[in-house]
Protein backbone atom coordinates (compact mmCIF):
# COMPACT_ATOMS: atom_id res chain seq x y z
CA MET A 1 -4.22 -35.58 0.43
CA ALA A 2 -0.82 -35.08 -1.23
CA GLY A 3 -1.84 -37.04 -4.31
CA ARG A 4 -5.04 -35.04 -4.72
CA LEU A 5 -3.20 -31.73 -4.37
CA SER A 6 -0.45 -32.71 -6.78
CA VAL A 7 -2.91 -32.88 -9.66
CA SER A 8 -4.95 -29.84 -8.58
CA ILE A 9 -2.32 -27.14 -8.10
CA PRO A 10 0.14 -25.59 -10.57
CA LEU A 11 3.84 -26.47 -10.50
CA VAL A 12 4.46 -23.36 -8.41
CA ILE A 13 1.98 -21.37 -6.32
CA ALA A 14 2.99 -17.85 -7.28
CA PHE A 15 3.22 -15.20 -4.61
CA ASN A 16 1.62 -12.72 -7.02
CA ASP A 17 -0.12 -13.47 -10.30
CA PRO A 18 -1.61 -10.25 -11.75
CA MET A 19 -2.20 -11.76 -15.17
CA ARG A 20 -4.25 -14.56 -13.70
CA GLU A 21 -6.25 -12.10 -11.61
CA MET A 22 -7.00 -10.05 -14.72
CA ALA A 23 -7.84 -13.04 -16.95
CA PRO A 24 -11.62 -12.97 -16.19
CA ILE A 25 -11.87 -9.40 -17.50
CA ARG A 26 -9.56 -9.81 -20.50
CA ALA A 27 -12.35 -8.74 -22.87
CA GLU A 28 -12.93 -5.55 -20.86
CA LEU A 29 -9.20 -4.81 -20.84
CA ASP A 30 -8.94 -5.37 -24.59
CA ALA A 31 -11.87 -3.02 -25.11
CA ALA A 32 -10.29 -0.40 -22.84
CA LEU A 33 -6.99 -0.50 -24.76
CA ALA A 34 -8.84 -0.32 -28.08
CA ARG A 35 -10.83 2.64 -26.80
CA VAL A 36 -7.61 4.54 -26.03
CA LEU A 37 -6.04 3.68 -29.37
CA ASP A 38 -9.19 4.66 -31.25
CA SER A 39 -9.38 7.98 -29.41
CA GLY A 40 -5.91 9.05 -30.52
CA TRP A 41 -5.41 10.73 -27.10
CA LEU A 42 -2.73 9.16 -24.90
CA VAL A 43 -2.06 11.58 -22.01
CA LEU A 44 -4.38 13.73 -19.83
CA GLY A 45 -7.53 12.77 -21.69
CA ASP A 46 -11.02 11.50 -21.00
CA GLU A 47 -9.93 8.13 -19.60
CA LEU A 48 -7.97 9.82 -16.82
CA ALA A 49 -10.78 12.28 -16.08
CA HIS A 50 -13.32 9.44 -15.87
CA PHE A 51 -11.06 7.32 -13.66
CA GLU A 52 -10.40 10.20 -11.29
CA ASN A 53 -14.16 10.71 -10.88
CA GLU A 54 -14.90 6.99 -10.54
CA PHE A 55 -12.17 6.40 -7.97
CA ALA A 56 -13.35 9.44 -5.98
CA GLU A 57 -16.84 7.90 -6.01
CA PHE A 58 -15.38 4.57 -4.85
CA LEU A 59 -13.78 6.42 -1.93
CA GLU A 60 -17.17 8.02 -1.25
CA GLY A 61 -16.10 11.62 -1.68
CA GLY A 62 -13.24 13.97 -2.23
CA HIS A 63 -11.14 14.65 -5.31
CA VAL A 64 -8.51 12.59 -7.13
CA ALA A 65 -5.47 13.42 -9.27
CA GLY A 66 -3.85 10.55 -11.16
CA VAL A 67 -0.04 10.48 -11.17
CA ALA A 68 2.65 8.25 -12.61
CA ASN A 69 3.22 5.98 -9.60
CA GLY A 70 2.74 5.58 -5.86
CA SER A 71 6.12 7.04 -4.92
CA ASP A 72 5.34 10.24 -6.81
CA ALA A 73 1.95 10.28 -5.13
CA LEU A 74 3.59 10.36 -1.70
CA GLU A 75 6.09 13.05 -2.64
CA LEU A 76 3.57 15.27 -4.42
CA ALA A 77 1.16 14.89 -1.49
CA LEU A 78 3.89 16.18 0.83
CA ARG A 79 4.73 19.04 -1.52
CA ALA A 80 1.05 19.96 -1.82
CA ILE A 81 0.93 20.60 1.94
CA ASP A 82 4.18 22.61 1.73
CA ILE A 83 6.57 20.13 3.30
CA GLY A 84 10.08 21.29 2.50
CA PRO A 85 13.64 21.70 3.76
CA ASP A 86 14.14 21.25 7.51
CA ASP A 87 10.53 20.20 8.16
CA THR A 88 10.09 17.02 10.19
CA VAL A 89 7.67 14.27 9.22
CA ILE A 90 6.73 11.33 11.45
CA ASN A 91 6.89 7.94 9.80
CA VAL A 92 7.28 4.22 10.53
CA ALA A 93 10.41 2.37 9.48
CA ASN A 94 8.87 -1.00 8.52
CA ALA A 95 6.99 -0.16 5.32
CA GLY A 96 9.60 -0.60 2.60
CA GLY A 97 11.13 2.88 2.57
CA TYR A 98 8.68 4.46 0.14
CA ALA A 99 7.45 7.16 2.50
CA SER A 100 10.97 7.86 3.73
CA THR A 101 12.12 8.30 0.13
CA ALA A 102 9.35 10.87 -0.40
CA ILE A 103 10.23 12.75 2.80
CA LEU A 104 13.90 12.92 1.88
CA ALA A 105 13.08 13.97 -1.69
CA CYS A 106 11.37 17.01 -0.18
CA ARG A 107 14.59 17.62 1.82
CA ALA A 108 12.61 17.11 5.01
CA HIS A 109 13.63 14.87 7.91
CA PRO A 110 11.86 11.64 8.92
CA ILE A 111 11.17 10.97 12.58
CA PHE A 112 10.81 7.22 12.97
CA VAL A 113 8.41 5.75 15.52
CA ASP A 114 7.91 2.16 16.58
CA VAL A 115 4.95 0.00 15.62
CA ASP A 116 2.41 -2.10 17.42
CA PRO A 117 4.05 -5.53 17.87
CA ASP A 118 0.92 -7.42 16.80
CA THR A 119 -0.18 -5.47 13.73
CA GLY A 120 2.98 -3.75 12.50
CA LEU A 121 1.01 -0.49 12.26
CA ILE A 122 2.02 2.85 13.73
CA ASP A 123 1.48 2.88 17.50
CA PRO A 124 -0.33 6.05 18.66
CA GLU A 125 1.26 5.67 22.09
CA GLN A 126 4.65 6.37 20.51
CA LEU A 127 3.58 9.91 19.56
CA GLU A 128 4.06 11.44 22.97
CA GLY A 129 6.59 14.16 23.61
CA GLU A 130 7.68 17.54 22.34
CA THR A 131 9.59 16.20 19.31
CA MET A 132 6.50 14.48 17.97
CA ALA A 133 4.23 17.43 18.66
CA SER A 134 6.57 19.76 16.74
CA ALA A 135 6.45 17.72 13.50
CA ARG A 136 4.84 19.40 10.48
CA ALA A 137 3.24 16.21 9.22
CA ILE A 138 2.76 12.50 9.83
CA ILE A 139 2.60 9.80 7.16
CA ILE A 140 0.23 7.07 8.33
CA THR A 141 0.83 3.86 6.41
CA HIS A 142 -2.08 1.42 6.24
CA LEU A 143 0.12 -1.66 6.02
CA TYR A 144 -0.73 -5.10 4.61
CA GLY A 145 -4.33 -4.06 3.85
CA GLN A 146 -5.24 -3.11 7.42
CA MET A 147 -5.96 0.42 8.58
CA ALA A 148 -4.12 2.17 11.37
CA ASN A 149 -6.08 3.48 14.36
CA MET A 150 -7.36 6.56 12.56
CA PRO A 151 -9.75 7.88 15.22
CA ALA A 152 -6.92 8.08 17.76
CA LEU A 153 -4.39 9.36 15.24
CA ALA A 154 -6.74 11.99 13.83
CA GLU A 155 -7.47 13.25 17.35
CA TRP A 156 -3.74 13.49 18.11
CA ALA A 157 -3.07 15.32 14.85
CA GLN A 158 -5.83 17.83 15.54
CA THR A 159 -4.51 18.47 19.03
CA THR A 160 -0.94 19.03 17.79
CA ASN A 161 -1.88 20.78 14.53
CA THR A 162 -0.06 18.10 12.50
CA ARG A 163 -0.96 17.47 8.86
CA ILE A 164 -1.91 13.87 8.00
CA VAL A 165 -0.78 12.12 4.83
CA GLU A 166 -2.30 8.66 4.46
CA ASP A 167 -0.25 6.08 2.59
CA CYS A 168 -2.96 3.84 1.12
CA ALA A 169 -0.81 1.88 -1.33
CA GLN A 170 -1.81 -1.40 0.36
CA ALA A 171 -5.31 -0.44 1.45
CA HIS A 172 -7.58 0.04 -1.56
CA GLY A 173 -11.09 -0.30 -0.17
CA ALA A 174 -10.11 -0.68 3.50
CA ARG A 175 -12.49 1.04 5.91
CA MET A 176 -12.73 2.08 9.55
CA ALA A 177 -15.66 3.61 11.42
CA GLY A 178 -17.58 3.96 8.16
CA ARG A 179 -14.85 5.88 6.32
CA SER A 180 -12.47 4.69 3.61
CA ALA A 181 -8.71 4.64 3.81
CA GLY A 182 -7.71 7.94 2.27
CA ALA A 183 -10.70 9.86 3.66
CA TRP A 184 -9.30 10.63 7.12
CA GLY A 185 -6.28 12.84 6.57
CA ASP A 186 -5.49 16.08 4.80
CA ILE A 187 -4.32 14.18 1.75
CA ALA A 188 -3.68 10.57 0.71
CA ALA A 189 -1.48 8.64 -1.71
CA PHE A 190 -2.37 5.46 -3.61
CA SER A 191 -0.24 3.13 -5.72
CA PHE A 192 -1.69 1.05 -8.55
CA TYR A 193 1.41 -1.06 -9.16
CA PRO A 194 0.32 -4.33 -10.85
CA THR A 195 0.47 -6.38 -7.63
CA LYS A 196 -1.79 -4.04 -5.65
CA ASN A 197 -5.41 -4.90 -4.87
CA LEU A 198 -6.28 -2.45 -7.67
CA GLY A 199 -3.41 -2.81 -10.12
CA ALA A 200 -2.65 -1.30 -13.50
CA LEU A 201 -0.69 -2.79 -16.40
CA GLY A 202 2.39 -0.90 -15.20
CA ASP A 203 3.22 1.94 -12.84
CA ALA A 204 0.35 4.21 -11.78
CA GLY A 205 -0.73 6.18 -8.73
CA ALA A 206 -3.13 8.80 -7.40
CA VAL A 207 -3.41 11.55 -4.81
CA CYS A 208 -6.74 12.06 -3.06
CA SER A 209 -8.14 14.75 -0.76
CA ALA A 210 -11.38 16.32 0.36
CA ASN A 211 -9.60 19.64 -0.14
CA LYS A 212 -10.07 20.53 -3.81
CA ALA A 213 -7.35 23.21 -3.68
CA LEU A 214 -4.76 20.61 -2.65
CA ILE A 215 -5.70 18.37 -5.57
CA GLU A 216 -5.57 21.27 -7.99
CA ARG A 217 -2.07 21.95 -6.73
CA VAL A 218 -1.12 18.30 -7.28
CA ARG A 219 -2.45 18.58 -10.83
CA CYS A 220 -0.05 21.46 -11.38
CA LEU A 221 2.85 19.65 -9.71
CA ARG A 222 2.33 16.49 -11.79
CA GLN A 223 2.96 18.57 -14.91
CA TYR A 224 6.17 20.49 -14.15
CA GLY A 225 4.48 22.82 -11.67
CA TRP A 226 2.70 24.64 -14.48
CA GLY A 227 -0.20 26.90 -13.59
CA GLU A 228 -0.77 27.47 -17.27
CA LYS A 229 1.23 25.85 -20.04
CA TYR A 230 4.95 26.68 -19.84
CA VAL A 231 4.44 28.87 -16.77
CA HIS A 232 6.07 27.27 -13.70
CA GLU A 233 4.07 28.47 -10.70
CA TYR A 234 5.00 25.76 -8.17
CA ALA A 235 8.43 24.53 -7.14
CA GLY A 236 8.95 20.78 -6.98
CA GLY A 237 6.96 19.92 -10.08
CA ARG A 238 7.81 17.06 -12.39
CA ASN A 239 6.48 14.96 -15.23
CA SER A 240 4.22 12.55 -13.34
CA ARG A 241 1.08 11.93 -15.35
CA LEU A 242 -1.13 8.85 -15.21
CA ASP A 243 -1.42 7.96 -18.87
CA GLU A 244 -4.62 7.07 -20.69
CA ILE A 245 -3.80 3.37 -21.11
CA GLN A 246 -3.27 2.86 -17.38
CA ALA A 247 -6.35 4.92 -16.54
CA ALA A 248 -8.46 2.81 -18.92
CA CYS A 249 -7.10 -0.41 -17.39
CA LEU A 250 -7.91 0.82 -13.89
CA ARG A 251 -11.43 1.74 -14.98
CA ALA A 252 -11.90 -1.82 -16.20
CA ARG A 253 -10.68 -3.31 -12.91
CA LEU A 254 -12.31 -0.93 -10.45
CA PRO A 255 -15.86 -2.41 -10.62
CA GLY A 256 -14.50 -5.78 -9.46
CA LEU A 257 -12.40 -4.44 -6.59
CA ARG A 258 -14.90 -5.04 -3.79
CA ALA A 259 -15.46 -8.65 -4.86
CA ALA A 260 -11.69 -9.23 -5.17
CA ASN A 261 -11.18 -7.77 -1.70
CA GLN A 262 -13.85 -10.06 -0.30
CA ARG A 263 -12.07 -13.05 -1.87
CA ARG A 264 -8.83 -11.92 -0.22
CA ARG A 265 -10.63 -11.71 3.13
CA LEU A 266 -11.88 -15.27 2.79
CA ILE A 267 -8.36 -16.53 2.02
CA GLY A 268 -6.91 -14.52 4.91
CA ARG A 269 -9.50 -15.92 7.29
CA ARG A 270 -8.67 -19.47 6.21
CA TYR A 271 -4.99 -18.86 6.93
CA GLN A 272 -5.96 -17.25 10.24
CA ASN A 273 -8.17 -20.13 11.33
CA GLU A 274 -6.36 -23.15 9.88
CA ILE A 275 -2.62 -22.49 10.25
CA ASN A 276 -2.05 -23.99 13.69
CA ASN A 277 1.69 -24.68 13.77
CA PRO A 278 3.09 -23.34 17.07
CA LEU A 279 6.27 -22.32 15.21
CA ILE A 280 4.29 -19.93 12.99
CA ALA A 281 2.47 -16.93 14.46
CA VAL A 282 -0.44 -15.71 12.36
CA PRO A 283 -1.07 -11.95 12.45
CA ASN A 284 -3.66 -10.29 14.65
CA ARG A 285 -6.13 -8.99 12.05
CA ARG A 286 -9.54 -7.37 12.51
CA ASP A 287 -12.41 -9.61 11.40
CA ASP A 288 -14.98 -6.86 10.83
CA GLY A 289 -14.73 -6.69 7.04
CA SER A 290 -12.51 -3.59 7.06
CA ASP A 291 -9.21 -5.32 6.26
CA VAL A 292 -8.53 -5.89 2.54
CA TYR A 293 -5.67 -8.38 3.05
CA HIS A 294 -3.15 -7.00 0.59
CA LEU A 295 -0.47 -9.12 2.25
CA TYR A 296 -0.49 -11.92 4.80
CA PRO A 297 2.74 -11.84 6.82
CA VAL A 298 3.19 -14.56 9.41
CA ARG A 299 6.03 -14.53 11.93
CA CYS A 300 8.55 -17.31 12.46
CA ARG A 301 11.81 -17.29 14.39
CA GLN A 302 13.14 -19.88 11.95
CA ARG A 303 12.16 -17.80 8.93
CA GLN A 304 14.89 -18.98 6.58
CA ALA A 305 14.04 -22.60 7.30
CA LEU A 306 10.34 -21.91 6.74
CA MET A 307 11.09 -20.16 3.44
CA GLU A 308 13.14 -23.12 2.28
CA HIS A 309 10.49 -25.59 3.39
CA LEU A 310 7.79 -23.72 1.46
CA ARG A 311 10.06 -23.38 -1.58
CA LYS A 312 10.44 -27.16 -1.64
CA GLU A 313 6.65 -27.35 -1.47
CA SER A 314 6.54 -25.13 -4.61
CA ILE A 315 5.16 -22.15 -2.68
CA GLN A 316 6.60 -18.71 -3.31
CA THR A 317 6.98 -16.32 -0.37
CA ALA A 318 8.32 -12.80 0.17
CA ILE A 319 9.59 -10.64 3.02
CA HIS A 320 7.82 -7.33 3.69
CA TYR A 321 10.30 -5.89 4.67
CA PRO A 322 13.75 -7.24 5.61
CA LEU A 323 15.59 -4.03 6.58
CA PRO A 324 13.94 -1.14 8.47
CA ASP A 325 14.41 2.37 7.08
CA HIS A 326 16.62 3.56 9.94
CA GLN A 327 19.06 0.71 9.20
CA GLN A 328 19.25 1.30 5.44
CA PRO A 329 22.84 2.01 4.33
CA ALA A 330 21.94 5.26 2.55
CA TRP A 331 19.90 6.65 5.44
CA LYS A 332 21.74 5.63 8.59
CA ASP A 333 22.21 8.49 11.01
CA ARG A 334 25.14 7.35 13.11
CA ASP A 335 24.66 10.25 15.51
CA HIS A 336 21.08 9.36 16.29
CA VAL A 337 19.88 5.75 16.11
CA PRO A 338 16.21 5.51 17.15
CA LYS A 339 15.09 2.74 19.44
CA LEU A 340 12.52 0.72 17.51
CA PRO A 341 12.56 -2.73 19.15
CA HIS A 342 9.25 -4.02 17.74
CA THR A 343 10.14 -2.83 14.23
CA GLU A 344 13.53 -4.53 14.37
CA ILE A 345 12.30 -7.84 15.78
CA ARG A 346 9.49 -8.06 13.24
CA ALA A 347 11.95 -7.48 10.39
CA THR A 348 13.80 -10.67 11.35
CA GLU A 349 10.66 -12.83 11.59
CA ILE A 350 8.01 -11.76 9.06
CA LEU A 351 7.28 -13.83 5.97
CA SER A 352 4.41 -13.16 3.57
CA LEU A 353 2.41 -16.10 2.23
CA PRO A 354 0.73 -16.09 -1.19
CA LEU A 355 -2.49 -14.10 -1.09
CA ASN A 356 -4.27 -12.93 -4.21
CA SER A 357 -7.83 -13.16 -5.41
CA ALA A 358 -6.99 -15.80 -8.04
CA LEU A 359 -5.83 -18.47 -5.57
CA THR A 360 -7.89 -21.65 -5.80
CA GLU A 361 -9.12 -23.70 -2.85
CA PRO A 362 -6.63 -26.54 -3.53
CA GLU A 363 -3.81 -23.99 -3.61
CA ILE A 364 -4.93 -22.51 -0.30
CA ASP A 365 -5.22 -26.02 1.14
CA HIS A 366 -1.67 -26.74 0.07
CA VAL A 367 -0.25 -23.55 1.63
CA ILE A 368 -2.01 -24.28 4.93
CA ASP A 369 -0.98 -27.94 4.92
CA ALA A 370 2.64 -27.07 4.13
CA CYS A 371 2.76 -24.50 6.93
CA ASN A 372 1.30 -26.96 9.41
CA ARG A 373 3.86 -29.63 8.43
CA PHE A 374 6.82 -27.30 8.97
CA GLN A 375 9.30 -28.45 11.61
CA ALA A 376 12.19 -26.44 13.02
């Protein structure tokens, strides 16, 4: 087994390998770049307009505004629904701090809630009480490629008159109850960072909504808050435009997204079914085709030892994420420390294994075999 694998796998199994994922469509990418260069139009042109329409069609409805990156998408989504100073926004603390950064950029206040211990997703049962009901908005993060319990969360939001912002940065193509991630809330944010399921050649993002007026507002906010050129109608605007090169790249990759997601599902299911080491807990993932397996975080109480073991096996890993938002040095509120036991325990145990659509069967075999050989 070891001898066969040693000649079948690369020197290192990379955690992410965007260039390898894009290699099969190199000709399409070259043609997309040439198309932009030949057009002579580099910002806010036809490529962006076409991508916005094509991504809206992929999401099966609504409207899309391309922006410079996923972080801007979150902040501009909040600004589009008038989140501002002294507003409160519900959020989880285990998703890397991106949503919290957006909330604080709007001078609003995050209210952190704990997560489901099995999935790491927001737990609807934590939304009880007057403080939660008084929040202006909730950011629902679809983490690791799996969707949060949107039917329950949408019902709660309707009852409490709370605006929903979906953070879909890790959920391109995920679905629940026949609806796509991004189609449940008032507004949604996507990131197209190169390592995402749908990745660009650099930073890129989008805001999506069924409400056309909200997207028109985002289109103003992404360009300084202009209503018309040089006329600043909206506060909080900035330069956050998805450029033509990134839009063209995304157009080239979008047709293959469903197939790439299906490949990720197959890899995730192999991990799920074949990693059987009692020291490693595989995540509890839905097996109904809705999960797009952006990340595959296992849990291990001896995480550092497992990381070192896999490193020696030439397998790269990553931690998503090591320090919850409410414990971040810049954001600590020493007067009010929320109780988030599941969030905090998970942060000490989670470790993401390689999972991308370019992984080969021998590479997957090696990851599984190395995990199963791990000893404390």
